[in-house]
Each structure stands twice: as structure tokens, then as C-alpha cells.
Amino acid sequence: MAEGLSDHHRRLAQQKREAITSSATALFLERGYGGTSLARIAEAAGVSKSTLFKQFPTKAALFEAIVIESWRQGAGQAPARPPAGDLRAGLAVIGR
């Protein structure tokens, strides 16, 4: 029973993560990075701010996760982290 509950919690966490990244992507595209707050993302995703912060401690971490996942889907191979180690430099390398 405990294992089933654990699987349930993992699936629920994954669903929330997907809702957060999907909502964040739409808001970043609509409002830009600077015009999008974590509170607005949480509201759009239907999760609490604390749930969002458990998944992504900062807006930069959320943006980085979206970029990496998009790159993986589009290019098939992406590093686990941006090649240069920080978001701005990593995006510059990915964009080349």
C-alpha cells in the first residue's frame, strides 16, 4: 500500500511540474521573462507558490528547466545543465 501511495505522489508531482512548466512557458512567451512573476505562474498552473518553489526554487531555475526540456525535445540531445554553467552563458552556447 505504501508503494502505491508513493507512486501516486510521484505521478501527482509530475503532473504539477508539467502544469507549472506549461503555464510558465505560455506566460514567458506572452509577457516576457521580466513581466512574469512566480505568483502569476503558480496561479495559472493551479498550484500554490510553495508547490512551485518545491519544484523550482527560483524563476531562473524554472526558465532553465523549460529551455533544457525544449532543447531535448527539439534537438534530441541536451546537456544536463547549460554548457557554461550559468543560464545566460548557457543560452548563448545553445543558441549558436
PDB file of N, CA and C in Angstrom:
ATOM      1  N   MET A   1       0.822  -1.199   0.000  1.00  0.00           N
ATOM      2  CA  MET A   1       0.000   0.000   0.000  1.00  0.00           C
ATOM      3  C   MET A   1       0.863   1.258   0.000  1.00  0.00           C
ATOM      4  N   ALA A   2       1.940   1.249   0.803  1.00  0.00           N
ATOM      5  CA  ALA A   2       2.803   2.425   0.864  1.00  0.00           C
ATOM      6  C   ALA A   2       3.453   2.693  -0.485  1.00  0.00           C
ATOM      7  N   GLU A   3       3.826   1.637  -1.203  1.00  0.00           N
ATOM      8  CA  GLU A   3       4.433   1.816  -2.518  1.00  0.00           C
ATOM      9  C   GLU A   3       3.439   2.428  -3.496  1.00  0.00           C
ATOM     10  N   GLY A   4       2.187   1.984  -3.452  1.00  0.00           N
ATOM     11  CA  GLY A   4       1.162   2.556  -4.315  1.00  0.00           C
ATOM     12  C   GLY A   4       0.955   4.027  -4.032  1.00  0.00           C
ATOM     13  N   LEU A   5       0.979   4.388  -2.772  1.00  0.00           N
ATOM     14  CA  LEU A   5       0.832   5.790  -2.382  1.00  0.00           C
ATOM     15  C   LEU A   5       2.023   6.605  -2.889  1.00  0.00           C
ATOM     16  N   SER A   6       3.214   6.029  -2.791  1.00  0.00           N
ATOM     17  CA  SER A   6       4.409   6.701  -3.275  1.00  0.00           C
ATOM     18  C   SER A   6       4.332   6.930  -4.786  1.00  0.00           C
ATOM     19  N   ASP A   7       3.882   5.931  -5.524  1.00  0.00           N
ATOM     20  CA  ASP A   7       3.701   6.079  -6.972  1.00  0.00           C
ATOM     21  C   ASP A   7       2.686   7.177  -7.269  1.00  0.00           C
ATOM     22  N   HIS A   8       1.623   7.203  -6.493  1.00  0.00           N
ATOM     23  CA  HIS A   8       0.594   8.227  -6.667  1.00  0.00           C
ATOM     24  C   HIS A   8       1.188   9.618  -6.454  1.00  0.00           C
ATOM     25  N   HIS A   9       1.975   9.779  -5.405  1.00  0.00           N
ATOM     26  CA  HIS A   9       2.587  11.074  -5.118  1.00  0.00           C
ATOM     27  C   HIS A   9       3.570  11.485  -6.210  1.00  0.00           C
ATOM     28  N   ARG A  10       4.316  10.513  -6.738  1.00  0.00           N
ATOM     29  CA  ARG A  10       5.244  10.814  -7.835  1.00  0.00           C
ATOM     30  C   ARG A  10       4.495  11.287  -9.074  1.00  0.00           C
ATOM     31  N   ARG A  11       3.407  10.598  -9.404  1.00  0.00           N
ATOM     32  CA  ARG A  11       2.604  10.996 -10.568  1.00  0.00           C
ATOM     33  C   ARG A  11       2.003  12.383 -10.356  1.00  0.00           C
ATOM     34  N   LEU A  12       1.500  12.628  -9.164  1.00  0.00           N
ATOM     35  CA  LEU A  12       0.914  13.934  -8.853  1.00  0.00           C
ATOM     36  C   LEU A  12       1.967  15.039  -8.951  1.00  0.00           C
ATOM     37  N   ALA A  13       3.151  14.788  -8.422  1.00  0.00           N
ATOM     38  CA  ALA A  13       4.235  15.772  -8.503  1.00  0.00           C
ATOM     39  C   ALA A  13       4.611  16.030  -9.961  1.00  0.00           C
ATOM     40  N   GLN A  14       4.654  14.981 -10.775  1.00  0.00           N
ATOM     41  CA  GLN A  14       4.976  15.142 -12.191  1.00  0.00           C
ATOM     42  C   GLN A  14       3.893  15.944 -12.914  1.00  0.00           C
ATOM     43  N   GLN A  15       2.639  15.682 -12.587  1.00  0.00           N
ATOM     44  CA  GLN A  15       1.540  16.438 -13.195  1.00  0.00           C
ATOM     45  C   GLN A  15       1.634  17.919 -12.829  1.00  0.00           C
ATOM     46  N   LYS A  16       1.956  18.193 -11.576  1.00  0.00           N
ATOM     47  CA  LYS A  16       2.094  19.586 -11.134  1.00  0.00           C
ATOM     48  C   LYS A  16       3.279  20.248 -11.823  1.00  0.00           C
ATOM     49  N   ARG A  17       4.372  19.515 -11.954  1.00  0.00           N
ATOM     50  CA  ARG A  17       5.557  20.054 -12.636  1.00  0.00           C
ATOM     51  C   ARG A  17       5.210  20.410 -14.081  1.00  0.00           C
ATOM     52  N   GLU A  18       4.500  19.525 -14.757  1.00  0.00           N
ATOM     53  CA  GLU A  18       4.106  19.781 -16.143  1.00  0.00           C
ATOM     54  C   GLU A  18       3.161  20.980 -16.240  1.00  0.00           C
ATOM     55  N   ALA A  19       2.245  21.112 -15.286  1.00  0.00           N
ATOM     56  CA  ALA A  19       1.339  22.267 -15.277  1.00  0.00           C
ATOM     57  C   ALA A  19       2.130  23.560 -15.073  1.00  0.00           C
ATOM     58  N   ILE A  20       3.115  23.514 -14.199  1.00  0.00           N
ATOM     59  CA  ILE A  20       3.940  24.697 -13.933  1.00  0.00           C
ATOM     60  C   ILE A  20       4.741  25.078 -15.172  1.00  0.00           C
ATOM     61  N   THR A  21       5.430  24.115 -15.777  1.00  0.00           N
ATOM     62  CA  THR A  21       6.263  24.449 -16.936  1.00  0.00           C
ATOM     63  C   THR A  21       5.421  24.882 -18.130  1.00  0.00           C
ATOM     64  N   SER A  22       4.272  24.268 -18.307  1.00  0.00           N
ATOM     65  CA  SER A  22       3.385  24.653 -19.409  1.00  0.00           C
ATOM     66  C   SER A  22       2.865  26.079 -19.214  1.00  0.00           C
ATOM     67  N   SER A  23       2.408  26.374 -18.009  1.00  0.00           N
ATOM     68  CA  SER A  23       1.905  27.722 -17.711  1.00  0.00           C
ATOM     69  C   SER A  23       3.017  28.752 -17.805  1.00  0.00           C
ATOM     70  N   ALA A  24       4.184  28.411 -17.286  1.00  0.00           N
ATOM     71  CA  ALA A  24       5.314  29.338 -17.332  1.00  0.00           C
ATOM     72  C   ALA A  24       5.728  29.624 -18.772  1.00  0.00           C
ATOM     73  N   THR A  25       5.770  28.599 -19.595  1.00  0.00           N
ATOM     74  CA  THR A  25       6.139  28.790 -20.999  1.00  0.00           C
ATOM     75  C   THR A  25       5.182  29.761 -21.676  1.00  0.00           C
ATOM     76  N   ALA A  26       3.894  29.545 -21.482  1.00  0.00           N
ATOM     77  CA  ALA A  26       2.889  30.426 -22.090  1.00  0.00           C
ATOM     78  C   ALA A  26       3.044  31.861 -21.590  1.00  0.00           C
ATOM     79  N   LEU A  27       3.259  32.024 -20.296  1.00  0.00           N
ATOM     80  CA  LEU A  27       3.396  33.373 -19.734  1.00  0.00           C
ATOM     81  C   LEU A  27       4.696  34.042 -20.169  1.00  0.00           C
ATOM     82  N   PHE A  28       5.794  33.298 -20.218  1.00  0.00           N
ATOM     83  CA  PHE A  28       7.053  33.873 -20.686  1.00  0.00           C
ATOM     84  C   PHE A  28       6.919  34.339 -22.132  1.00  0.00           C
ATOM     85  N   LEU A  29       6.246  33.545 -22.952  1.00  0.00           N
ATOM     86  CA  LEU A  29       6.062  33.930 -24.353  1.00  0.00           C
ATOM     87  C   LEU A  29       5.145  35.143 -24.485  1.00  0.00           C
ATOM     88  N   GLU A  30       4.129  35.202 -23.639  1.00  0.00           N
ATOM     89  CA  GLU A  30       3.159  36.300 -23.700  1.00  0.00           C
ATOM     90  C   GLU A  30       3.689  37.588 -23.082  1.00  0.00           C
ATOM     91  N   ARG A  31       4.317  37.479 -21.908  1.00  0.00           N
ATOM     92  CA  ARG A  31       4.679  38.664 -21.126  1.00  0.00           C
ATOM     93  C   ARG A  31       6.180  38.917 -21.035  1.00  0.00           C
ATOM     94  N   GLY A  32       6.972  37.958 -21.468  1.00  0.00           N
ATOM     95  CA  GLY A  32       8.417  38.066 -21.317  1.00  0.00           C
ATOM     96  C   GLY A  32       8.854  37.601 -19.938  1.00  0.00           C
ATOM     97  N   TYR A  33      10.140  37.354 -19.816  1.00  0.00           N
ATOM     98  CA  TYR A  33      10.689  36.862 -18.552  1.00  0.00           C
ATOM     99  C   TYR A  33      10.469  37.876 -17.432  1.00  0.00           C
ATOM    100  N   GLY A  34      10.826  39.124 -17.685  1.00  0.00           N
ATOM    101  CA  GLY A  34      10.707  40.161 -16.659  1.00  0.00           C
ATOM    102  C   GLY A  34       9.275  40.488 -16.276  1.00  0.00           C
ATOM    103  N   GLY A  35       8.349  40.270 -17.189  1.00  0.00           N
ATOM    104  CA  GLY A  35       6.948  40.582 -16.933  1.00  0.00           C
ATOM    105  C   GLY A  35       6.151  39.441 -16.343  1.00  0.00           C
ATOM    106  N   THR A  36       6.840  38.356 -16.021  1.00  0.00           N
ATOM    107  CA  THR A  36       6.164  37.177 -15.483  1.00  0.00           C
ATOM    108  C   THR A  36       6.642  36.913 -14.067  1.00  0.00           C
ATOM    109  N   SER A  37       5.723  36.876 -13.124  1.00  0.00           N
ATOM    110  CA  SER A  37       6.084  36.594 -11.732  1.00  0.00           C
ATOM    111  C   SER A  37       5.806  35.129 -11.407  1.00  0.00           C
ATOM    112  N   LEU A  38       6.501  34.632 -10.402  1.00  0.00           N
ATOM    113  CA  LEU A  38       6.252  33.261  -9.956  1.00  0.00           C
ATOM    114  C   LEU A  38       4.843  33.120  -9.396  1.00  0.00           C
ATOM    115  N   ALA A  39       4.334  34.165  -8.769  1.00  0.00           N
ATOM    116  CA  ALA A  39       2.962  34.120  -8.249  1.00  0.00           C
ATOM    117  C   ALA A  39       1.967  33.939  -9.387  1.00  0.00           C
ATOM    118  N   ARG A  40       2.186  34.643 -10.492  1.00  0.00           N
ATOM    119  CA  ARG A  40       1.289  34.523 -11.647  1.00  0.00           C
ATOM    120  C   ARG A  40       1.390  33.122 -12.266  1.00  0.00           C
ATOM    121  N   ILE A  41       2.605  32.589 -12.315  1.00  0.00           N
ATOM    122  CA  ILE A  41       2.788  31.236 -12.850  1.00  0.00           C
ATOM    123  C   ILE A  41       2.057  30.225 -11.978  1.00  0.00           C
ATOM    124  N   ALA A  42       2.218  30.333 -10.667  1.00  0.00           N
ATOM    125  CA  ALA A  42       1.545  29.406  -9.752  1.00  0.00           C
ATOM    126  C   ALA A  42       0.035  29.481  -9.928  1.00  0.00           C
ATOM    127  N   GLU A  43      -0.487  30.688 -10.026  1.00  0.00           N
ATOM    128  CA  GLU A  43      -1.930  30.870 -10.207  1.00  0.00           C
ATOM    129  C   GLU A  43      -2.394  30.223 -11.516  1.00  0.00           C
ATOM    130  N   ALA A  44      -1.669  30.479 -12.593  1.00  0.00           N
ATOM    131  CA  ALA A  44      -2.049  29.923 -13.896  1.00  0.00           C
ATOM    132  C   ALA A  44      -1.963  28.399 -13.910  1.00  0.00           C
ATOM    133  N   ALA A  45      -1.014  27.848 -13.158  1.00  0.00           N
ATOM    134  CA  ALA A  45      -0.834  26.396 -13.107  1.00  0.00           C
ATOM    135  C   ALA A  45      -1.802  25.723 -12.140  1.00  0.00           C
ATOM    136  N   GLY A  46      -2.459  26.520 -11.308  1.00  0.00           N
ATOM    137  CA  GLY A  46      -3.384  25.951 -10.333  1.00  0.00           C
ATOM    138  C   GLY A  46      -2.691  25.286  -9.161  1.00  0.00           C
ATOM    139  N   VAL A  47      -1.504  25.819  -8.813  1.00  0.00           N
ATOM    140  CA  VAL A  47      -0.760  25.279  -7.675  1.00  0.00           C
ATOM    141  C   VAL A  47      -0.433  26.420  -6.716  1.00  0.00           C
ATOM    142  N   SER A  48      -0.060  26.064  -5.503  1.00  0.00           N
ATOM    143  CA  SER A  48       0.348  27.084  -4.534  1.00  0.00           C
ATOM    144  C   SER A  48       1.776  27.532  -4.847  1.00  0.00           C
ATOM    145  N   LYS A  49       2.134  28.695  -4.326  1.00  0.00           N
ATOM    146  CA  LYS A  49       3.505  29.169  -4.510  1.00  0.00           C
ATOM    147  C   LYS A  49       4.497  28.214  -3.848  1.00  0.00           C
ATOM    148  N   SER A  50       4.119  27.636  -2.717  1.00  0.00           N
ATOM    149  CA  SER A  50       5.043  26.706  -2.055  1.00  0.00           C
ATOM    150  C   SER A  50       5.265  25.457  -2.906  1.00  0.00           C
ATOM    151  N   THR A  51       4.232  24.994  -3.596  1.00  0.00           N
ATOM    152  CA  THR A  51       4.398  23.854  -4.501  1.00  0.00           C
ATOM    153  C   THR A  51       5.349  24.219  -5.632  1.00  0.00           C
ATOM    154  N   LEU A  52       5.184  25.409  -6.187  1.00  0.00           N
ATOM    155  CA  LEU A  52       6.077  25.858  -7.254  1.00  0.00           C
ATOM    156  C   LEU A  52       7.515  25.911  -6.747  1.00  0.00           C
ATOM    157  N   PHE A  53       7.726  26.480  -5.550  1.00  0.00           N
ATOM    158  CA  PHE A  53       9.078  26.606  -5.010  1.00  0.00           C
ATOM    159  C   PHE A  53       9.698  25.258  -4.668  1.00  0.00           C
ATOM    160  N   LYS A  54       8.897  24.252  -4.360  1.00  0.00           N
ATOM    161  CA  LYS A  54       9.444  22.907  -4.128  1.00  0.00           C
ATOM    162  C   LYS A  54      10.034  22.349  -5.414  1.00  0.00           C
ATOM    163  N   GLN A  55       9.395  22.646  -6.532  1.00  0.00           N
ATOM    164  CA  GLN A  55       9.855  22.155  -7.831  1.00  0.00           C
ATOM    165  C   GLN A  55      10.980  23.033  -8.395  1.00  0.00           C
ATOM    166  N   PHE A  56      10.824  24.345  -8.257  1.00  0.00           N
ATOM    167  CA  PHE A  56      11.746  25.312  -8.857  1.00  0.00           C
ATOM    168  C   PHE A  56      12.012  26.427  -7.847  1.00  0.00           C
ATOM    169  N   PRO A  57      13.183  26.453  -7.224  1.00  0.00           N
ATOM    170  CA  PRO A  57      13.440  27.433  -6.164  1.00  0.00           C
ATOM    171  C   PRO A  57      13.526  28.881  -6.642  1.00  0.00           C
ATOM    172  N   THR A  58      13.774  29.090  -7.940  1.00  0.00           N
ATOM    173  CA  THR A  58      13.866  30.448  -8.479  1.00  0.00           C
ATOM    174  C   THR A  58      13.236  30.492  -9.870  1.00  0.00           C
ATOM    175  N   LYS A  59      12.941  31.690 -10.320  1.00  0.00           N
ATOM    176  CA  LYS A  59      12.410  31.856 -11.673  1.00  0.00           C
ATOM    177  C   LYS A  59      13.457  31.428 -12.697  1.00  0.00           C
ATOM    178  N   ALA A  60      14.715  31.722 -12.423  1.00  0.00           N
ATOM    179  CA  ALA A  60      15.790  31.314 -13.335  1.00  0.00           C
ATOM    180  C   ALA A  60      15.870  29.794 -13.445  1.00  0.00           C
ATOM    181  N   ALA A  61      15.692  29.088 -12.329  1.00  0.00           N
ATOM    182  CA  ALA A  61      15.718  27.619 -12.362  1.00  0.00           C
ATOM    183  C   ALA A  61      14.563  27.074 -13.197  1.00  0.00           C
ATOM    184  N   LEU A  62      13.407  27.687 -13.078  1.00  0.00           N
ATOM    185  CA  LEU A  62      12.245  27.281 -13.872  1.00  0.00           C
ATOM    186  C   LEU A  62      12.499  27.547 -15.351  1.00  0.00           C
ATOM    187  N   PHE A  63      12.992  28.726 -15.670  1.00  0.00           N
ATOM    188  CA  PHE A  63      13.280  29.077 -17.061  1.00  0.00           C
ATOM    189  C   PHE A  63      14.324  28.126 -17.648  1.00  0.00           C
ATOM    190  N   GLU A  64      15.351  27.842 -16.869  1.00  0.00           N
ATOM    191  CA  GLU A  64      16.403  26.918 -17.309  1.00  0.00           C
ATOM    192  C   GLU A  64      15.822  25.540 -17.606  1.00  0.00           C
ATOM    193  N   ALA A  65      14.954  25.049 -16.740  1.00  0.00           N
ATOM    194  CA  ALA A  65      14.333  23.736 -16.956  1.00  0.00           C
ATOM    195  C   ALA A  65      13.510  23.721 -18.240  1.00  0.00           C
ATOM    196  N   ILE A  66      12.800  24.803 -18.505  1.00  0.00           N
ATOM    197  CA  ILE A  66      11.991  24.899 -19.726  1.00  0.00           C
ATOM    198  C   ILE A  66      12.888  24.892 -20.960  1.00  0.00           C
ATOM    199  N   VAL A  67      13.964  25.667 -20.916  1.00  0.00           N
ATOM    200  CA  VAL A  67      14.881  25.734 -22.057  1.00  0.00           C
ATOM    201  C   VAL A  67      15.515  24.370 -22.313  1.00  0.00           C
ATOM    202  N   ILE A  68      15.982  23.719 -21.270  1.00  0.00           N
ATOM    203  CA  ILE A  68      16.621  22.411 -21.430  1.00  0.00           C
ATOM    204  C   ILE A  68      15.636  21.392 -21.977  1.00  0.00           C
ATOM    205  N   GLU A  69      14.425  21.368 -21.441  1.00  0.00           N
ATOM    206  CA  GLU A  69      13.422  20.415 -21.928  1.00  0.00           C
ATOM    207  C   GLU A  69      13.054  20.705 -23.381  1.00  0.00           C
ATOM    208  N   SER A  70      12.916  21.960 -23.726  1.00  0.00           N
ATOM    209  CA  SER A  70      12.616  22.325 -25.116  1.00  0.00           C
ATOM    210  C   SER A  70      13.749  21.896 -26.038  1.00  0.00           C
ATOM    211  N   TRP A  71      14.968  22.097 -25.588  1.00  0.00           N
ATOM    212  CA  TRP A  71      16.126  21.699 -26.381  1.00  0.00           C
ATOM    213  C   TRP A  71      16.146  20.188 -26.566  1.00  0.00           C
ATOM    214  N   ARG A  72      15.893  19.450 -25.513  1.00  0.00           N
ATOM    215  CA  ARG A  72      15.869  17.982 -25.610  1.00  0.00           C
ATOM    216  C   ARG A  72      14.819  17.516 -26.604  1.00  0.00           C
ATOM    217  N   GLN A  73      13.658  18.132 -26.564  1.00  0.00           N
ATOM    218  CA  GLN A  73      12.586  17.738 -27.478  1.00  0.00           C
ATOM    219  C   GLN A  73      12.921  18.111 -28.911  1.00  0.00           C
ATOM    220  N   GLY A  74      13.559  19.256 -29.095  1.00  0.00           N
ATOM    221  CA  GLY A  74      13.848  19.731 -30.443  1.00  0.00           C
ATOM    222  C   GLY A  74      15.117  19.164 -31.042  1.00  0.00           C
ATOM    223  N   ALA A  75      16.130  19.002 -30.244  1.00  0.00           N
ATOM    224  CA  ALA A  75      17.428  18.586 -30.769  1.00  0.00           C
ATOM    225  C   ALA A  75      17.779  17.151 -30.421  1.00  0.00           C
ATOM    226  N   GLY A  76      17.053  16.575 -29.504  1.00  0.00           N
ATOM    227  CA  GLY A  76      17.320  15.193 -29.142  1.00  0.00           C
ATOM    228  C   GLY A  76      18.387  15.015 -28.083  1.00  0.00           C
ATOM    229  N   GLN A  77      19.336  15.892 -28.005  1.00  0.00           N
ATOM    230  CA  GLN A  77      20.407  15.777 -27.023  1.00  0.00           C
ATOM    231  C   GLN A  77      20.659  17.143 -26.408  1.00  0.00           C
ATOM    232  N   ALA A  78      20.636  17.189 -25.114  1.00  0.00           N
ATOM    233  CA  ALA A  78      20.979  18.431 -24.424  1.00  0.00           C
ATOM    234  C   ALA A  78      21.772  18.076 -23.186  1.00  0.00           C
ATOM    235  N   PRO A  79      22.681  18.924 -22.816  1.00  0.00           N
ATOM    236  CA  PRO A  79      23.408  18.664 -21.575  1.00  0.00           C
ATOM    237  C   PRO A  79      22.467  18.758 -20.384  1.00  0.00           C
ATOM    238  N   ALA A  80      22.833  18.129 -19.295  1.00  0.00           N
ATOM    239  CA  ALA A  80      22.005  18.174 -18.090  1.00  0.00           C
ATOM    240  C   ALA A  80      21.896  19.606 -17.569  1.00  0.00           C
ATOM    241  N   ARG A  81      22.925  20.388 -17.781  1.00  0.00           N
ATOM    242  CA  ARG A  81      22.924  21.800 -17.391  1.00  0.00           C
ATOM    243  C   ARG A  81      23.470  22.594 -18.568  1.00  0.00           C
ATOM    244  N   PRO A  82      23.221  23.877 -18.616  1.00  0.00           N
ATOM    245  CA  PRO A  82      23.797  24.674 -19.698  1.00  0.00           C
ATOM    246  C   PRO A  82      25.313  24.489 -19.740  1.00  0.00           C
ATOM    247  N   PRO A  83      25.895  24.394 -20.911  1.00  0.00           N
ATOM    248  CA  PRO A  83      27.310  24.082 -21.050  1.00  0.00           C
ATOM    249  C   PRO A  83      28.246  24.985 -20.258  1.00  0.00           C
ATOM    250  N   ALA A  84      27.951  26.258 -20.172  1.00  0.00           N
ATOM    251  CA  ALA A  84      28.861  27.180 -19.500  1.00  0.00           C
ATOM    252  C   ALA A  84      28.626  27.267 -17.997  1.00  0.00           C
ATOM    253  N   GLY A  85      27.577  26.622 -17.478  1.00  0.00           N
ATOM    254  CA  GLY A  85      27.345  26.610 -16.050  1.00  0.00           C
ATOM    255  C   GLY A  85      26.426  27.687 -15.516  1.00  0.00           C
ATOM    256  N   ASP A  86      26.129  28.700 -16.313  1.00  0.00           N
ATOM    257  CA  ASP A  86      25.144  29.674 -15.862  1.00  0.00           C
ATOM    258  C   ASP A  86      24.163  29.936 -16.992  1.00  0.00           C
ATOM    259  N   LEU A  87      22.988  30.387 -16.645  1.00  0.00           N
ATOM    260  CA  LEU A  87      21.880  30.484 -17.582  1.00  0.00           C
ATOM    261  C   LEU A  87      22.210  31.339 -18.801  1.00  0.00           C
ATOM    262  N   ARG A  88      22.683  32.529 -18.608  1.00  0.00           N
ATOM    263  CA  ARG A  88      22.938  33.447 -19.730  1.00  0.00           C
ATOM    264  C   ARG A  88      23.988  32.861 -20.683  1.00  0.00           C
ATOM    265  N   ALA A  89      25.096  32.416 -20.142  1.00  0.00           N
ATOM    266  CA  ALA A  89      26.147  31.845 -20.984  1.00  0.00           C
ATOM    267  C   ALA A  89      25.670  30.552 -21.640  1.00  0.00           C
ATOM    268  N   GLY A  90      24.916  29.763 -20.902  1.00  0.00           N
ATOM    269  CA  GLY A  90      24.383  28.519 -21.454  1.00  0.00           C
ATOM    270  C   GLY A  90      23.449  28.760 -22.614  1.00  0.00           C
ATOM    271  N   LEU A  91      22.578  29.753 -22.485  1.00  0.00           N
ATOM    272  CA  LEU A  91      21.660  30.081 -23.581  1.00  0.00           C
ATOM    273  C   LEU A  91      22.427  30.570 -24.805  1.00  0.00           C
ATOM    274  N   ALA A  92      23.497  31.310 -24.578  1.00  0.00           N
ATOM    275  CA  ALA A  92      24.305  31.779 -25.707  1.00  0.00           C
ATOM    276  C   ALA A  92      24.933  30.603 -26.441  1.00  0.00           C
ATOM    277  N   VAL A  93      25.418  29.616 -25.703  1.00  0.00           N
ATOM    278  CA  VAL A  93      26.014  28.429 -26.323  1.00  0.00           C
ATOM    279  C   VAL A  93      24.956  27.625 -27.056  1.00  0.00           C
ATOM    280  N   ILE A  94      23.809  27.421 -26.435  1.00  0.00           N
ATOM    281  CA  ILE A  94      22.727  26.651 -27.055  1.00  0.00           C
ATOM    282  C   ILE A  94      22.237  27.338 -28.323  1.00  0.00           C
ATOM    283  N   GLY A  95      22.183  28.671 -28.314  1.00  0.00           N
ATOM    284  CA  GLY A  95      21.661  29.422 -29.444  1.00  0.00           C
ATOM    285  C   GLY A  95      22.578  29.471 -30.650  1.00  0.00           C
ATOM    286  N   ARG A  96      23.808  29.030 -30.516  1.00  0.00           N
ATOM    287  CA  ARG A  96      24.754  29.072 -31.648  1.00  0.00           C
ATOM    288  C   ARG A  96      24.420  28.062 -32.698  1.00  0.00           C
TER     289      ARG A  96
END
